[in-house]
Structures are given as C-alpha cells and as structure tokens.
Amino acid sequence: MEYVKTRTIMTKSNQGNLWFGIDYHMNLYRGCSFGCIFCDSRSDSYHIKNFDKIKSKENALQILEEELASKNYKGVVSFGTLSDPYNELEKEYEITRGALELIKKYGFGVSIDTKSDLILRDIDLLKEIKKNNNVIIKISIVTYEDELANFLEPNVISSTKRFEVLKKLRENDIYAGVLMTPVLPFITDSLDNIKRMIFLSKENDAKFIYTKMGMTLRSNVHDYYFERIEKKYKGLSDDYKCVYGNNVVCNPLRYPDLLEIFVKECNRYNLLCDMSEIIKDYKKDIPVKKQISLF
C-alpha cells in the first residue's frame, strides 16, 4: 500500500438533501483498480494522478476517530463517492472495516456506494450501526448484461453477482437498492436495459433504484472513454462528438421519454426512485433514545 499525507478525512456535505441525505463525505482510499471506462473520478478536477493505482491516506483511522469524537451531530457519513471503499486491497488492510467500527463506536450513520461483494463481510457491523442510526447501501449496476458490464467495468464482479449482493443485504434487513448511474447514451440507454434493471431490482428486493439518466464527460475523462468504446463500437465516439460536442452532461437522445418510462416502471413495481422519497424512507426508522428523567 502506498500512503498519501492528509490532515482531514471527513468533510461536511453541502448537498445532503440532494444526494441521499448524507451529512459528511469520506474517501479512505485514493484511486481505484476496477477500471470502469466511464468513471467521472478520473476527471482532472479531482486531482488524482494515476487513478488506477490504489492509495490510502496516512493515519486515516486515527484522524477519523479524532474527527468523529469532535462532532456534536451524529449524521450520516458517506463512503465511496470518489473511489470504491471495497477495492482489492481492502481485503488485506481492512481500512473500511476499521472506519465502520469507529462509525459504530461513535453512533454515526453510514451511506455506502460499492460494486463489490466484499461488503458482505461487514454485514455484522452494518447491523450494529443500524441499531442506533441510519444505514443505506447503494449497489452500483449500469446494465443487467454481464458481458457488457465486463467490458464497461472490467475488474468488477458481474451484474448478476451484484444483484445477489443486494439480495443478501436485504435478507439481513439492511436498507439497500440500486444505483443505475451513469446511463450511457447509445450503450445502456435502451428500453430493454432500463426495464430489466428495474425488474431485477424488484426481484432482488431492492428498496429503491435511482438514476440520473445520463453521464458526465469532463476534461480528460472523455478521451479515456472514447478510446475504449472505439474498441467495441467503431465510430461511436464520432456520434458522441456530433451530438454532444464539448458538453459535460450527456443525456440520452430520448431523455424525457426514457425518464417517464423509468418512473412508470418503478411505480409499477412499487420501487422508490425519487431522491427525496428515498431519503425520507431510509431515515424514518431511526431509533429515538429516551432521556432519563431527573424527577
């Protein structure tokens, strides 16, 4: 493991009500080895050099404990916004597990984004955290087709296995759902993919499925993405350039129609898909501790 120096681990979120009701951001690792060709974290704006190499932050757990101990508000801490907290080195170093131990110790809630089945190792801690605060897990899946997923996310377990992870979490009464983001124009924006993703989410007892129905292509990300899609879809990068030019946000051509169908299908299967409703739902069961009367 290579370590980078840092003075802080946890930062206050300024968009909690816009993104799953989180109160604090935290990334214990820098970089990721999953190799997803569309990953926005490769953007120059995040200042992560050699993104495919996993690094950790020096004295991360010690700094995190000091920060958790100093906070008066025991809010929800987000893992994995820039890099997956369950990368291949987590198996050996257990930095994410150590952080969850501290989350439990200090009574905070947790929000985790992941594509890995390693999260199942930590079900015991998630269940303990859930006794005193909120827990929400988002399993990231962009397509139900395993072969396509292997091309888009070459070092990640199959979509089929990720749905199995979702089901296992739900069997243990962990609030979990699917993060269908991004939706790639011309690749994963078909009606078939969208409907099957919703159906399989319901089949595996998801509490929700959320999407922004598009993707972002910032700075150096588009060159990386275009180079790779050309290997499978010759000429597709030219279609992107023709339709989107230098746009950062790239929504599917039938964006309004697809979004309408997405919402209707979610309603059909009684799956939450609206951000405010998801936040309200997963935070509704937080235990209320009774104060001891002095009289």
C-alpha atoms as a PDB file:
ATOM      1  CA  MET A   1       0.000   0.000   0.000  1.00  0.00           C
ATOM      2  CA  GLU A   2       1.201   3.477  -0.862  1.00  0.00           C
ATOM      3  CA  TYR A   3       0.093   6.202   1.540  1.00  0.00           C
ATOM      4  CA  VAL A   4      -0.569   9.899   0.953  1.00  0.00           C
ATOM      5  CA  LYS A   5      -0.457  12.514   3.666  1.00  0.00           C
ATOM      6  CA  THR A   6      -3.676  14.202   4.739  1.00  0.00           C
ATOM      7  CA  ARG A   7      -4.905  16.400   7.547  1.00  0.00           C
ATOM      8  CA  THR A   8      -8.603  15.582   7.249  1.00  0.00           C
ATOM      9  CA  ILE A   9     -10.677  12.530   6.396  1.00  0.00           C
ATOM     10  CA  MET A  10     -14.265  13.661   6.844  1.00  0.00           C
ATOM     11  CA  THR A  11     -15.771  16.805   5.311  1.00  0.00           C
ATOM     12  CA  LYS A  12     -19.183  18.373   5.795  1.00  0.00           C
ATOM     13  CA  SER A  13     -21.549  17.813   2.885  1.00  0.00           C
ATOM     14  CA  ASN A  14     -23.224  20.843   1.353  1.00  0.00           C
ATOM     15  CA  GLN A  15     -25.671  18.791  -0.720  1.00  0.00           C
ATOM     16  CA  GLY A  16     -27.034  16.200   1.690  1.00  0.00           C
ATOM     17  CA  ASN A  17     -30.656  16.756   0.754  1.00  0.00           C
ATOM     18  CA  LEU A  18     -29.716  16.445  -2.909  1.00  0.00           C
ATOM     19  CA  TRP A  19     -27.699  13.235  -2.604  1.00  0.00           C
ATOM     20  CA  PHE A  20     -29.152  10.560  -0.328  1.00  0.00           C
ATOM     21  CA  GLY A  21     -29.338  12.779   2.723  1.00  0.00           C
ATOM     22  CA  ILE A  22     -25.666  12.464   3.624  1.00  0.00           C
ATOM     23  CA  ASP A  23     -24.117  14.778   6.190  1.00  0.00           C
ATOM     24  CA  TYR A  24     -20.409  14.022   5.782  1.00  0.00           C
ATOM     25  CA  HIS A  25     -18.181  12.869   2.897  1.00  0.00           C
ATOM     26  CA  MET A  26     -15.291  10.468   3.391  1.00  0.00           C
ATOM     27  CA  ASN A  27     -12.884   8.749   0.993  1.00  0.00           C
ATOM     28  CA  LEU A  28     -10.410   6.491   2.764  1.00  0.00           C
ATOM     29  CA  TYR A  29      -8.749   5.498  -0.489  1.00  0.00           C
ATOM     30  CA  ARG A  30      -7.499   7.452  -3.496  1.00  0.00           C
ATOM     31  CA  GLY A  31      -7.786   5.837  -6.892  1.00  0.00           C
ATOM     32  CA  CYS A  32      -9.470   2.585  -7.871  1.00  0.00           C
ATOM     33  CA  SER A  33      -8.491  -0.623  -9.663  1.00  0.00           C
ATOM     34  CA  PHE A  34     -11.956  -1.520 -11.008  1.00  0.00           C
ATOM     35  CA  GLY A  35     -11.177   0.068 -14.379  1.00  0.00           C
ATOM     36  CA  CYS A  36     -14.664   1.417 -15.180  1.00  0.00           C
ATOM     37  CA  ILE A  37     -14.252   3.173 -18.520  1.00  0.00           C
ATOM     38  CA  PHE A  38     -16.813   5.895 -17.736  1.00  0.00           C
ATOM     39  CA  CYS A  39     -15.635   6.825 -14.218  1.00  0.00           C
ATOM     40  CA  ASP A  40     -16.062  10.547 -13.523  1.00  0.00           C
ATOM     41  CA  SER A  41     -13.444  10.360 -10.761  1.00  0.00           C
ATOM     42  CA  ARG A  42     -10.762  10.322 -13.460  1.00  0.00           C
ATOM     43  CA  SER A  43     -11.553  13.984 -14.071  1.00  0.00           C
ATOM     44  CA  ASP A  44      -8.712  16.458 -13.589  1.00  0.00           C
ATOM     45  CA  SER A  45     -10.980  18.364 -11.218  1.00  0.00           C
ATOM     46  CA  TYR A  46     -10.355  15.733  -8.510  1.00  0.00           C
ATOM     47  CA  HIS A  47      -6.550  15.960  -8.798  1.00  0.00           C
ATOM     48  CA  ILE A  48      -5.955  12.200  -8.543  1.00  0.00           C
ATOM     49  CA  LYS A  49      -2.888  11.207 -10.531  1.00  0.00           C
ATOM     50  CA  ASN A  50      -2.582   7.622 -11.783  1.00  0.00           C
ATOM     51  CA  PHE A  51      -6.182   6.879 -10.843  1.00  0.00           C
ATOM     52  CA  ASP A  52      -5.860   3.116 -11.458  1.00  0.00           C
ATOM     53  CA  LYS A  53      -3.394   2.776  -8.564  1.00  0.00           C
ATOM     54  CA  ILE A  54      -4.980   2.432  -5.124  1.00  0.00           C
ATOM     55  CA  LYS A  55      -3.530   4.546  -2.343  1.00  0.00           C
ATOM     56  CA  SER A  56      -4.665   5.145   1.204  1.00  0.00           C
ATOM     57  CA  LYS A  57      -4.448   8.134   3.460  1.00  0.00           C
ATOM     58  CA  GLU A  58      -1.754   8.075   6.109  1.00  0.00           C
ATOM     59  CA  ASN A  59      -3.065   7.533   9.650  1.00  0.00           C
ATOM     60  CA  ALA A  60      -6.591   7.558   8.227  1.00  0.00           C
ATOM     61  CA  LEU A  61      -8.312   5.757  11.101  1.00  0.00           C
ATOM     62  CA  GLN A  62      -6.539   7.794  13.773  1.00  0.00           C
ATOM     63  CA  ILE A  63      -7.558  11.061  12.096  1.00  0.00           C
ATOM     64  CA  LEU A  64     -11.088   9.770  11.527  1.00  0.00           C
ATOM     65  CA  GLU A  65     -11.547   8.860  15.181  1.00  0.00           C
ATOM     66  CA  GLU A  66     -10.460  12.337  16.260  1.00  0.00           C
ATOM     67  CA  GLU A  67     -12.926  13.891  13.826  1.00  0.00           C
ATOM     68  CA  LEU A  68     -15.833  11.653  14.832  1.00  0.00           C
ATOM     69  CA  ALA A  69     -15.187  12.326  18.511  1.00  0.00           C
ATOM     70  CA  SER A  70     -15.287  16.091  17.887  1.00  0.00           C
ATOM     71  CA  LYS A  71     -18.652  16.156  16.082  1.00  0.00           C
ATOM     72  CA  ASN A  72     -21.803  17.023  18.012  1.00  0.00           C
ATOM     73  CA  TYR A  73     -24.147  15.985  15.209  1.00  0.00           C
ATOM     74  CA  LYS A  74     -24.178  12.220  14.622  1.00  0.00           C
ATOM     75  CA  GLY A  75     -25.155  12.360  10.956  1.00  0.00           C
ATOM     76  CA  VAL A  76     -24.775  10.004   8.003  1.00  0.00           C
ATOM     77  CA  VAL A  77     -21.210   9.518   6.725  1.00  0.00           C
ATOM     78  CA  SER A  78     -20.797   8.706   3.024  1.00  0.00           C
ATOM     79  CA  PHE A  79     -18.225   6.152   1.819  1.00  0.00           C
ATOM     80  CA  GLY A  80     -17.196   5.741  -1.811  1.00  0.00           C
ATOM     81  CA  THR A  81     -18.124   8.923  -3.639  1.00  0.00           C
ATOM     82  CA  LEU A  82     -14.783   9.055  -5.484  1.00  0.00           C
ATOM     83  CA  SER A  83     -13.367   5.551  -5.099  1.00  0.00           C
ATOM     84  CA  ASP A  84     -14.923   2.245  -4.092  1.00  0.00           C
ATOM     85  CA  PRO A  85     -14.327   1.535  -0.375  1.00  0.00           C
ATOM     86  CA  TYR A  86     -14.217  -2.208  -1.109  1.00  0.00           C
ATOM     87  CA  ASN A  87     -11.298  -2.360  -3.541  1.00  0.00           C
ATOM     88  CA  GLU A  88      -8.972  -5.367  -3.755  1.00  0.00           C
ATOM     89  CA  LEU A  89      -6.553  -4.038  -1.109  1.00  0.00           C
ATOM     90  CA  GLU A  90      -9.357  -3.649   1.447  1.00  0.00           C
ATOM     91  CA  LYS A  91      -9.316  -7.442   1.853  1.00  0.00           C
ATOM     92  CA  GLU A  92      -5.878  -7.218   3.429  1.00  0.00           C
ATOM     93  CA  TYR A  93      -5.792  -3.785   5.041  1.00  0.00           C
ATOM     94  CA  GLU A  94      -9.401  -3.556   6.308  1.00  0.00           C
ATOM     95  CA  ILE A  95      -9.367   0.229   6.439  1.00  0.00           C
ATOM     96  CA  THR A  96     -13.045   0.455   5.504  1.00  0.00           C
ATOM     97  CA  ARG A  97     -13.917  -2.107   8.166  1.00  0.00           C
ATOM     98  CA  GLY A  98     -11.899  -0.127  10.710  1.00  0.00           C
ATOM     99  CA  ALA A  99     -13.819   3.012   9.767  1.00  0.00           C
ATOM    100  CA  LEU A 100     -17.138   1.203  10.214  1.00  0.00           C
ATOM    101  CA  GLU A 101     -16.004   0.108  13.673  1.00  0.00           C
ATOM    102  CA  LEU A 102     -15.464   3.778  14.517  1.00  0.00           C
ATOM    103  CA  ILE A 103     -18.791   4.785  12.967  1.00  0.00           C
ATOM    104  CA  LYS A 104     -20.457   2.243  15.246  1.00  0.00           C
ATOM    105  CA  LYS A 105     -18.448   3.339  18.298  1.00  0.00           C
ATOM    106  CA  TYR A 106     -19.430   6.998  17.947  1.00  0.00           C
ATOM    107  CA  GLY A 107     -23.033   6.443  16.881  1.00  0.00           C
ATOM    108  CA  PHE A 108     -22.990   7.825  13.332  1.00  0.00           C
ATOM    109  CA  GLY A 109     -24.969   6.600  10.329  1.00  0.00           C
ATOM    110  CA  VAL A 110     -23.484   5.376   7.080  1.00  0.00           C
ATOM    111  CA  SER A 111     -24.101   5.583   3.322  1.00  0.00           C
ATOM    112  CA  ILE A 112     -22.018   3.309   1.073  1.00  0.00           C
ATOM    113  CA  ASP A 113     -21.630   3.130  -2.714  1.00  0.00           C
ATOM    114  CA  THR A 114     -19.978  -0.059  -3.957  1.00  0.00           C
ATOM    115  CA  LYS A 115     -19.708  -2.597  -6.773  1.00  0.00           C
ATOM    116  CA  SER A 116     -18.023  -5.254  -4.654  1.00  0.00           C
ATOM    117  CA  ASP A 117     -19.285  -8.327  -2.829  1.00  0.00           C
ATOM    118  CA  LEU A 118     -16.697  -7.647  -0.111  1.00  0.00           C
ATOM    119  CA  ILE A 119     -19.325  -5.519   1.603  1.00  0.00           C
ATOM    120  CA  LEU A 120     -20.972  -8.776   2.719  1.00  0.00           C
ATOM    121  CA  ARG A 121     -18.024  -9.280   5.065  1.00  0.00           C
ATOM    122  CA  ASP A 122     -19.213  -6.254   7.049  1.00  0.00           C
ATOM    123  CA  ILE A 123     -22.885  -7.118   7.443  1.00  0.00           C
ATOM    124  CA  ASP A 124     -22.301  -7.611  11.167  1.00  0.00           C
ATOM    125  CA  LEU A 125     -21.148  -4.011  11.572  1.00  0.00           C
ATOM    126  CA  LEU A 126     -23.880  -2.602   9.348  1.00  0.00           C
ATOM    127  CA  LYS A 127     -26.491  -4.326  11.505  1.00  0.00           C
ATOM    128  CA  GLU A 128     -24.915  -2.883  14.652  1.00  0.00           C
ATOM    129  CA  ILE A 129     -24.771   0.635  13.205  1.00  0.00           C
ATOM    130  CA  LYS A 130     -28.403   0.298  12.144  1.00  0.00           C
ATOM    131  CA  LYS A 131     -29.481  -0.136  15.777  1.00  0.00           C
ATOM    132  CA  ASN A 132     -28.608   3.478  16.557  1.00  0.00           C
ATOM    133  CA  ASN A 133     -28.568   5.366  13.269  1.00  0.00           C
ATOM    134  CA  ASN A 134     -29.344   5.226   9.555  1.00  0.00           C
ATOM    135  CA  VAL A 135     -27.771   2.859   7.035  1.00  0.00           C
ATOM    136  CA  ILE A 136     -28.216   2.954   3.258  1.00  0.00           C
ATOM    137  CA  ILE A 137     -26.284   0.848   0.739  1.00  0.00           C
ATOM    138  CA  LYS A 138     -26.237   1.605  -2.990  1.00  0.00           C
ATOM    139  CA  ILE A 139     -25.100  -1.238  -5.228  1.00  0.00           C
ATOM    140  CA  SER A 140     -23.840   0.313  -8.445  1.00  0.00           C
ATOM    141  CA  ILE A 141     -25.066  -1.508 -11.577  1.00  0.00           C
ATOM    142  CA  VAL A 142     -25.297   0.075 -15.035  1.00  0.00           C
ATOM    143  CA  THR A 143     -26.528  -2.887 -17.095  1.00  0.00           C
ATOM    144  CA  TYR A 144     -28.091  -6.272 -16.449  1.00  0.00           C
ATOM    145  CA  GLU A 145     -25.984  -7.830 -19.241  1.00  0.00           C
ATOM    146  CA  ASP A 146     -22.915  -9.477 -17.712  1.00  0.00           C
ATOM    147  CA  GLU A 147     -20.900  -9.442 -20.940  1.00  0.00           C
ATOM    148  CA  LEU A 148     -21.480  -5.731 -21.472  1.00  0.00           C
ATOM    149  CA  ALA A 149     -20.772  -4.995 -17.806  1.00  0.00           C
ATOM    150  CA  ASN A 150     -17.452  -6.829 -18.131  1.00  0.00           C
ATOM    151  CA  PHE A 151     -16.490  -4.520 -20.990  1.00  0.00           C
ATOM    152  CA  LEU A 152     -17.589  -1.343 -19.204  1.00  0.00           C
ATOM    153  CA  GLU A 153     -16.289  -2.357 -15.756  1.00  0.00           C
ATOM    154  CA  PRO A 154     -13.519  -4.897 -16.485  1.00  0.00           C
ATOM    155  CA  ASN A 155     -12.350  -5.585 -12.935  1.00  0.00           C
ATOM    156  CA  VAL A 156     -15.740  -5.730 -11.221  1.00  0.00           C
ATOM    157  CA  ILE A 157     -17.876  -8.741 -10.334  1.00  0.00           C
ATOM    158  CA  SER A 158     -20.709  -9.450 -12.772  1.00  0.00           C
ATOM    159  CA  SER A 159     -24.024  -7.634 -12.633  1.00  0.00           C
ATOM    160  CA  THR A 160     -25.655 -10.951 -11.723  1.00  0.00           C
ATOM    161  CA  LYS A 161     -23.422 -11.263  -8.665  1.00  0.00           C
ATOM    162  CA  ARG A 162     -24.087  -7.655  -7.697  1.00  0.00           C
ATOM    163  CA  PHE A 163     -27.818  -8.336  -7.680  1.00  0.00           C
ATOM    164  CA  GLU A 164     -27.062 -11.326  -5.425  1.00  0.00           C
ATOM    165  CA  VAL A 165     -25.169  -8.998  -3.070  1.00  0.00           C
ATOM    166  CA  LEU A 166     -28.224  -6.745  -2.974  1.00  0.00           C
ATOM    167  CA  LYS A 167     -30.462  -9.686  -2.110  1.00  0.00           C
ATOM    168  CA  LYS A 168     -28.130 -10.825   0.677  1.00  0.00           C
ATOM    169  CA  LEU A 169     -28.103  -7.358   2.222  1.00  0.00           C
ATOM    170  CA  ARG A 170     -31.887  -7.217   2.139  1.00  0.00           C
ATOM    171  CA  GLU A 171     -32.138 -10.685   3.704  1.00  0.00           C
ATOM    172  CA  ASN A 172     -30.208  -9.191   6.609  1.00  0.00           C
ATOM    173  CA  ASP A 173     -32.639  -6.265   6.826  1.00  0.00           C
ATOM    174  CA  ILE A 174     -30.118  -3.721   5.531  1.00  0.00           C
ATOM    175  CA  TYR A 175     -31.680  -0.826   3.612  1.00  0.00           C
ATOM    176  CA  ALA A 176     -30.255  -1.236   0.107  1.00  0.00           C
ATOM    177  CA  GLY A 177     -31.028  -0.531  -3.527  1.00  0.00           C
ATOM    178  CA  VAL A 178     -29.536   0.011  -6.956  1.00  0.00           C
ATOM    179  CA  LEU A 179     -27.618   2.998  -8.255  1.00  0.00           C
ATOM    180  CA  MET A 180     -28.136   2.898 -12.026  1.00  0.00           C
ATOM    181  CA  THR A 181     -25.693   5.673 -12.762  1.00  0.00           C
ATOM    182  CA  PRO A 182     -24.420   6.532 -15.273  1.00  0.00           C
ATOM    183  CA  VAL A 183     -26.746   5.704 -18.143  1.00  0.00           C
ATOM    184  CA  LEU A 184     -24.520   5.689 -21.219  1.00  0.00           C
ATOM    185  CA  PRO A 185     -26.007   7.154 -24.426  1.00  0.00           C
ATOM    186  CA  PHE A 186     -26.187   4.618 -27.277  1.00  0.00           C
ATOM    187  CA  ILE A 187     -24.983   1.806 -24.959  1.00  0.00           C
ATOM    188  CA  THR A 188     -27.100   1.311 -21.823  1.00  0.00           C
ATOM    189  CA  ASP A 189     -29.996   3.656 -22.582  1.00  0.00           C
ATOM    190  CA  SER A 190     -32.182   1.058 -24.286  1.00  0.00           C
ATOM    191  CA  LEU A 191     -35.723   0.371 -23.081  1.00  0.00           C
ATOM    192  CA  ASP A 192     -34.757  -3.257 -22.624  1.00  0.00           C
ATOM    193  CA  ASN A 193     -31.903  -2.426 -20.269  1.00  0.00           C
ATOM    194  CA  ILE A 194     -33.902   0.080 -18.253  1.00  0.00           C
ATOM    195  CA  LYS A 195     -36.904  -2.214 -17.811  1.00  0.00           C
ATOM    196  CA  ARG A 196     -34.779  -5.266 -16.986  1.00  0.00           C
ATOM    197  CA  MET A 197     -32.761  -3.300 -14.442  1.00  0.00           C
ATOM    198  CA  ILE A 198     -35.955  -2.260 -12.673  1.00  0.00           C
ATOM    199  CA  PHE A 199     -37.402  -5.776 -12.817  1.00  0.00           C
ATOM    200  CA  LEU A 200     -34.226  -7.376 -11.420  1.00  0.00           C
ATOM    201  CA  SER A 201     -34.017  -4.746  -8.697  1.00  0.00           C
ATOM    202  CA  LYS A 202     -37.514  -5.706  -7.587  1.00  0.00           C
ATOM    203  CA  GLU A 203     -36.728  -9.434  -7.916  1.00  0.00           C
ATOM    204  CA  ASN A 204     -33.839  -8.984  -5.504  1.00  0.00           C
ATOM    205  CA  ASP A 205     -35.885  -6.975  -3.015  1.00  0.00           C
ATOM    206  CA  ALA A 206     -34.338  -3.554  -3.632  1.00  0.00           C
ATOM    207  CA  LYS A 207     -35.858  -0.723  -1.645  1.00  0.00           C
ATOM    208  CA  PHE A 208     -35.112   1.698  -4.480  1.00  0.00           C
ATOM    209  CA  ILE A 209     -33.442   2.233  -7.829  1.00  0.00           C
ATOM    210  CA  TYR A 210     -32.023   5.648  -8.624  1.00  0.00           C
ATOM    211  CA  THR A 211     -30.688   7.133 -11.836  1.00  0.00           C
ATOM    212  CA  LYS A 212     -29.758  10.487 -13.303  1.00  0.00           C
ATOM    213  CA  MET A 213     -30.430   9.070 -16.798  1.00  0.00           C
ATOM    214  CA  GLY A 214     -27.206  10.310 -18.371  1.00  0.00           C
ATOM    215  CA  MET A 215     -23.463  10.650 -17.894  1.00  0.00           C
ATOM    216  CA  THR A 216     -20.776  13.285 -17.458  1.00  0.00           C
ATOM    217  CA  LEU A 217     -17.692  13.601 -19.648  1.00  0.00           C
ATOM    218  CA  ARG A 218     -15.316  16.073 -18.047  1.00  0.00           C
ATOM    219  CA  SER A 219     -11.810  17.107 -19.082  1.00  0.00           C
ATOM    220  CA  ASN A 220      -9.614  14.028 -19.624  1.00  0.00           C
ATOM    221  CA  VAL A 221     -12.460  11.563 -18.971  1.00  0.00           C
ATOM    222  CA  HIS A 222     -13.886  11.796 -22.496  1.00  0.00           C
ATOM    223  CA  ASP A 223     -10.572  10.845 -24.163  1.00  0.00           C
ATOM    224  CA  TYR A 224     -10.240   7.790 -21.926  1.00  0.00           C
ATOM    225  CA  TYR A 225     -13.862   6.809 -22.550  1.00  0.00           C
ATOM    226  CA  PHE A 226     -13.776   7.368 -26.319  1.00  0.00           C
ATOM    227  CA  GLU A 227     -10.587   5.367 -26.730  1.00  0.00           C
ATOM    228  CA  ARG A 228     -12.155   2.353 -25.059  1.00  0.00           C
ATOM    229  CA  ILE A 229     -15.614   2.400 -26.607  1.00  0.00           C
ATOM    230  CA  GLU A 230     -13.998   2.509 -30.050  1.00  0.00           C
ATOM    231  CA  LYS A 231     -12.620  -0.983 -29.389  1.00  0.00           C
ATOM    232  CA  LYS A 232     -16.154  -2.390 -29.231  1.00  0.00           C
ATOM    233  CA  TYR A 233     -18.248   0.191 -31.069  1.00  0.00           C
ATOM    234  CA  LYS A 234     -16.299   1.503 -34.048  1.00  0.00           C
ATOM    235  CA  GLY A 235     -17.310   5.063 -34.891  1.00  0.00           C
ATOM    236  CA  LEU A 236     -19.417   5.606 -31.764  1.00  0.00           C
ATOM    237  CA  SER A 237     -17.086   8.283 -30.413  1.00  0.00           C
ATOM    238  CA  ASP A 238     -17.842  10.311 -33.551  1.00  0.00           C
ATOM    239  CA  ASP A 239     -21.561  10.049 -32.769  1.00  0.00           C
ATOM    240  CA  TYR A 240     -20.885  11.395 -29.270  1.00  0.00           C
ATOM    241  CA  LYS A 241     -18.898  14.320 -30.656  1.00  0.00           C
ATOM    242  CA  CYS A 242     -21.582  15.062 -33.248  1.00  0.00           C
ATOM    243  CA  VAL A 243     -24.465  15.007 -30.744  1.00  0.00           C
ATOM    244  CA  TYR A 244     -22.831  16.406 -27.591  1.00  0.00           C
ATOM    245  CA  GLY A 245     -19.822  18.383 -28.793  1.00  0.00           C
ATOM    246  CA  ASN A 246     -17.898  19.524 -25.730  1.00  0.00           C
ATOM    247  CA  ASN A 247     -20.847  19.196 -23.355  1.00  0.00           C
ATOM    248  CA  VAL A 248     -20.012  17.882 -19.898  1.00  0.00           C
ATOM    249  CA  VAL A 249     -23.516  16.470 -19.328  1.00  0.00           C
ATOM    250  CA  CYS A 250     -24.592  13.927 -21.941  1.00  0.00           C
ATOM    251  CA  ASN A 251     -28.205  12.803 -21.630  1.00  0.00           C
ATOM    252  CA  PRO A 252     -29.761  10.120 -23.888  1.00  0.00           C
ATOM    253  CA  LEU A 253     -31.452  11.460 -27.016  1.00  0.00           C
ATOM    254  CA  ARG A 254     -34.871  10.309 -25.726  1.00  0.00           C
ATOM    255  CA  TYR A 255     -34.194  11.618 -22.228  1.00  0.00           C
ATOM    256  CA  PRO A 256     -37.744  12.847 -21.349  1.00  0.00           C
ATOM    257  CA  ASP A 257     -39.395   9.687 -22.680  1.00  0.00           C
ATOM    258  CA  LEU A 258     -36.921   7.351 -21.002  1.00  0.00           C
ATOM    259  CA  LEU A 259     -37.232   9.143 -17.686  1.00  0.00           C
ATOM    260  CA  GLU A 260     -41.028   8.963 -17.876  1.00  0.00           C
ATOM    261  CA  ILE A 261     -40.892   5.226 -18.635  1.00  0.00           C
ATOM    262  CA  PHE A 262     -38.385   4.718 -15.820  1.00  0.00           C
ATOM    263  CA  VAL A 263     -40.691   6.362 -13.283  1.00  0.00           C
ATOM    264  CA  LYS A 264     -43.751   4.452 -14.528  1.00  0.00           C
ATOM    265  CA  GLU A 265     -41.932   1.124 -14.298  1.00  0.00           C
ATOM    266  CA  CYS A 266     -40.708   1.915 -10.787  1.00  0.00           C
ATOM    267  CA  ASN A 267     -44.243   2.798  -9.730  1.00  0.00           C
ATOM    268  CA  ARG A 268     -45.485  -0.423 -11.310  1.00  0.00           C
ATOM    269  CA  TYR A 269     -43.137  -2.444  -9.098  1.00  0.00           C
ATOM    270  CA  ASN A 270     -43.528  -0.201  -6.032  1.00  0.00           C
ATOM    271  CA  LEU A 271     -39.862   0.786  -6.136  1.00  0.00           C
ATOM    272  CA  LEU A 272     -38.787   4.200  -4.889  1.00  0.00           C
ATOM    273  CA  CYS A 273     -36.915   6.279  -7.458  1.00  0.00           C
ATOM    274  CA  ASP A 274     -37.292   9.867  -6.249  1.00  0.00           C
ATOM    275  CA  MET A 275     -34.384  11.151  -4.155  1.00  0.00           C
ATOM    276  CA  SER A 276     -36.491  12.916  -1.536  1.00  0.00           C
ATOM    277  CA  GLU A 277     -38.686   9.834  -1.087  1.00  0.00           C
ATOM    278  CA  ILE A 278     -35.660   7.552  -0.706  1.00  0.00           C
ATOM    279  CA  ILE A 279     -34.157   9.825   1.943  1.00  0.00           C
ATOM    280  CA  LYS A 280     -37.439  10.038   3.827  1.00  0.00           C
ATOM    281  CA  ASP A 281     -37.899   6.273   3.695  1.00  0.00           C
ATOM    282  CA  TYR A 282     -34.492   5.128   4.903  1.00  0.00           C
ATOM    283  CA  LYS A 283     -34.379   7.696   7.691  1.00  0.00           C
ATOM    284  CA  LYS A 284     -37.851   7.011   9.062  1.00  0.00           C
ATOM    285  CA  ASP A 285     -36.879   4.185  11.422  1.00  0.00           C
ATOM    286  CA  ILE A 286     -34.001   5.791  13.300  1.00  0.00           C
ATOM    287  CA  PRO A 287     -34.275   4.812  16.979  1.00  0.00           C
ATOM    288  CA  VAL A 288     -35.253   7.635  19.311  1.00  0.00           C
ATOM    289  CA  LYS A 289     -33.366   7.465  22.585  1.00  0.00           C
ATOM    290  CA  LYS A 290     -35.437   8.426  25.593  1.00  0.00           C
ATOM    291  CA  GLN A 291     -33.987  10.935  28.021  1.00  0.00           C
ATOM    292  CA  ILE A 292     -33.706   9.836  31.629  1.00  0.00           C
ATOM    293  CA  SER A 293     -35.924  11.919  33.874  1.00  0.00           C
ATOM    294  CA  LEU A 294     -34.284  13.559  36.888  1.00  0.00           C
ATOM    295  CA  PHE A 295     -37.598  13.796  38.719  1.00  0.00           C
END
